[in-house]
Amino acid sequence: MDWLQLIGSYCFPIVACVGIAWFCKYLIDRNREDMKEMRAEHTEETKALREEMAEMNKTLTELVVIMKNKEDK
């Protein structure tokens, strides 16, 4: 077996495997960045919803007090 045939037989599969490994790493890194951004957005949304729920709870409590005062009169 001469050197050219040996390189031709083994070089392309090695280069292809390295290329695929690099591509997989790129996709995983990109996915991690996207997930980190989505988690940050979700955290902000959850915080805003929690604040809104607290305000709604406060309003409902006030309405209950008003309704009870009207019933007592």
C-alpha atoms as a PDB file:
ATOM      1  CA  MET A   1       0.000   0.000   0.000  1.00  0.00           C
ATOM      2  CA  ASP A   2       1.551   3.302  -0.986  1.00  0.00           C
ATOM      3  CA  TRP A   3       1.314   6.515   1.026  1.00  0.00           C
ATOM      4  CA  LEU A   4      -1.163   8.254  -1.255  1.00  0.00           C
ATOM      5  CA  GLN A   5      -3.633   5.420  -1.029  1.00  0.00           C
ATOM      6  CA  LEU A   6      -3.181   5.277   2.769  1.00  0.00           C
ATOM      7  CA  ILE A   7      -3.775   9.027   3.128  1.00  0.00           C
ATOM      8  CA  GLY A   8      -6.771   8.873   0.788  1.00  0.00           C
ATOM      9  CA  SER A   9      -8.292   6.004   2.732  1.00  0.00           C
ATOM     10  CA  TYR A  10      -7.915   7.475   6.223  1.00  0.00           C
ATOM     11  CA  CYS A  11      -7.510  11.240   5.898  1.00  0.00           C
ATOM     12  CA  PHE A  12     -11.045  12.062   4.704  1.00  0.00           C
ATOM     13  CA  PRO A  13     -12.840  10.100   7.451  1.00  0.00           C
ATOM     14  CA  ILE A  14     -10.645  11.718  10.111  1.00  0.00           C
ATOM     15  CA  VAL A  15     -11.242  15.210   8.724  1.00  0.00           C
ATOM     16  CA  ALA A  16     -14.977  14.492   8.420  1.00  0.00           C
ATOM     17  CA  CYS A  17     -15.158  13.306  12.050  1.00  0.00           C
ATOM     18  CA  VAL A  18     -13.296  16.391  13.261  1.00  0.00           C
ATOM     19  CA  GLY A  19     -15.644  18.604  11.234  1.00  0.00           C
ATOM     20  CA  ILE A  20     -18.742  16.910  12.623  1.00  0.00           C
ATOM     21  CA  ALA A  21     -17.370  17.143  16.175  1.00  0.00           C
ATOM     22  CA  TRP A  22     -16.720  20.880  15.716  1.00  0.00           C
ATOM     23  CA  PHE A  23     -20.235  21.380  14.318  1.00  0.00           C
ATOM     24  CA  CYS A  24     -21.810  19.504  17.251  1.00  0.00           C
ATOM     25  CA  LYS A  25     -19.832  21.603  19.724  1.00  0.00           C
ATOM     26  CA  TYR A  26     -20.935  24.771  17.920  1.00  0.00           C
ATOM     27  CA  LEU A  27     -24.594  23.717  18.097  1.00  0.00           C
ATOM     28  CA  ILE A  28     -24.365  22.795  21.784  1.00  0.00           C
ATOM     29  CA  ASP A  29     -22.680  26.100  22.672  1.00  0.00           C
ATOM     30  CA  ARG A  30     -25.267  28.048  20.684  1.00  0.00           C
ATOM     31  CA  ASN A  31     -28.098  26.157  22.351  1.00  0.00           C
ATOM     32  CA  ARG A  32     -26.628  26.918  25.793  1.00  0.00           C
ATOM     33  CA  GLU A  33     -26.513  30.634  25.025  1.00  0.00           C
ATOM     34  CA  ASP A  34     -30.109  30.603  23.784  1.00  0.00           C
ATOM     35  CA  MET A  35     -31.281  28.717  26.868  1.00  0.00           C
ATOM     36  CA  LYS A  36     -29.472  31.159  29.160  1.00  0.00           C
ATOM     37  CA  GLU A  37     -31.257  34.084  27.466  1.00  0.00           C
ATOM     38  CA  MET A  38     -34.614  32.309  27.697  1.00  0.00           C
ATOM     39  CA  ARG A  39     -34.097  31.586  31.411  1.00  0.00           C
ATOM     40  CA  ALA A  40     -33.293  35.246  32.063  1.00  0.00           C
ATOM     41  CA  GLU A  41     -36.430  36.342  30.199  1.00  0.00           C
ATOM     42  CA  HIS A  42     -38.519  33.775  32.046  1.00  0.00           C
ATOM     43  CA  THR A  43     -37.168  34.982  35.378  1.00  0.00           C
ATOM     44  CA  GLU A  44     -38.169  38.558  34.540  1.00  0.00           C
ATOM     45  CA  GLU A  45     -41.623  37.471  33.380  1.00  0.00           C
ATOM     46  CA  THR A  46     -42.153  35.432  36.538  1.00  0.00           C
ATOM     47  CA  LYS A  47     -41.076  38.351  38.693  1.00  0.00           C
ATOM     48  CA  ALA A  48     -43.530  40.662  36.901  1.00  0.00           C
ATOM     49  CA  LEU A  49     -46.345  38.110  37.259  1.00  0.00           C
ATOM     50  CA  ARG A  50     -45.609  37.720  40.965  1.00  0.00           C
ATOM     51  CA  GLU A  51     -45.856  41.485  41.452  1.00  0.00           C
ATOM     52  CA  GLU A  52     -49.139  41.609  39.507  1.00  0.00           C
ATOM     53  CA  MET A  53     -50.566  38.736  41.552  1.00  0.00           C
ATOM     54  CA  ALA A  54     -49.619  40.523  44.782  1.00  0.00           C
ATOM     55  CA  GLU A  55     -51.389  43.679  43.571  1.00  0.00           C
ATOM     56  CA  MET A  56     -54.472  41.691  42.569  1.00  0.00           C
ATOM     57  CA  ASN A  57     -54.520  39.950  45.946  1.00  0.00           C
ATOM     58  CA  LYS A  58     -54.330  43.308  47.691  1.00  0.00           C
ATOM     59  CA  THR A  59     -57.182  44.670  45.558  1.00  0.00           C
ATOM     60  CA  LEU A  60     -59.348  41.621  46.206  1.00  0.00           C
ATOM     61  CA  THR A  61     -58.723  41.908  49.929  1.00  0.00           C
ATOM     62  CA  GLU A  62     -59.821  45.538  49.827  1.00  0.00           C
ATOM     63  CA  LEU A  63     -62.952  44.575  47.886  1.00  0.00           C
ATOM     64  CA  VAL A  64     -63.818  41.918  50.459  1.00  0.00           C
ATOM     65  CA  VAL A  65     -63.474  44.472  53.245  1.00  0.00           C
ATOM     66  CA  ILE A  66     -65.706  46.913  51.365  1.00  0.00           C
ATOM     67  CA  MET A  67     -68.315  44.194  50.733  1.00  0.00           C
ATOM     68  CA  LYS A  68     -68.327  43.173  54.399  1.00  0.00           C
ATOM     69  CA  ASN A  69     -68.743  46.806  55.459  1.00  0.00           C
ATOM     70  CA  LYS A  70     -71.748  47.138  53.119  1.00  0.00           C
ATOM     71  CA  GLU A  71     -73.299  43.958  54.527  1.00  0.00           C
ATOM     72  CA  ASP A  72     -72.884  45.203  58.080  1.00  0.00           C
ATOM     73  CA  LYS A  73     -74.743  48.434  57.348  1.00  0.00           C
END
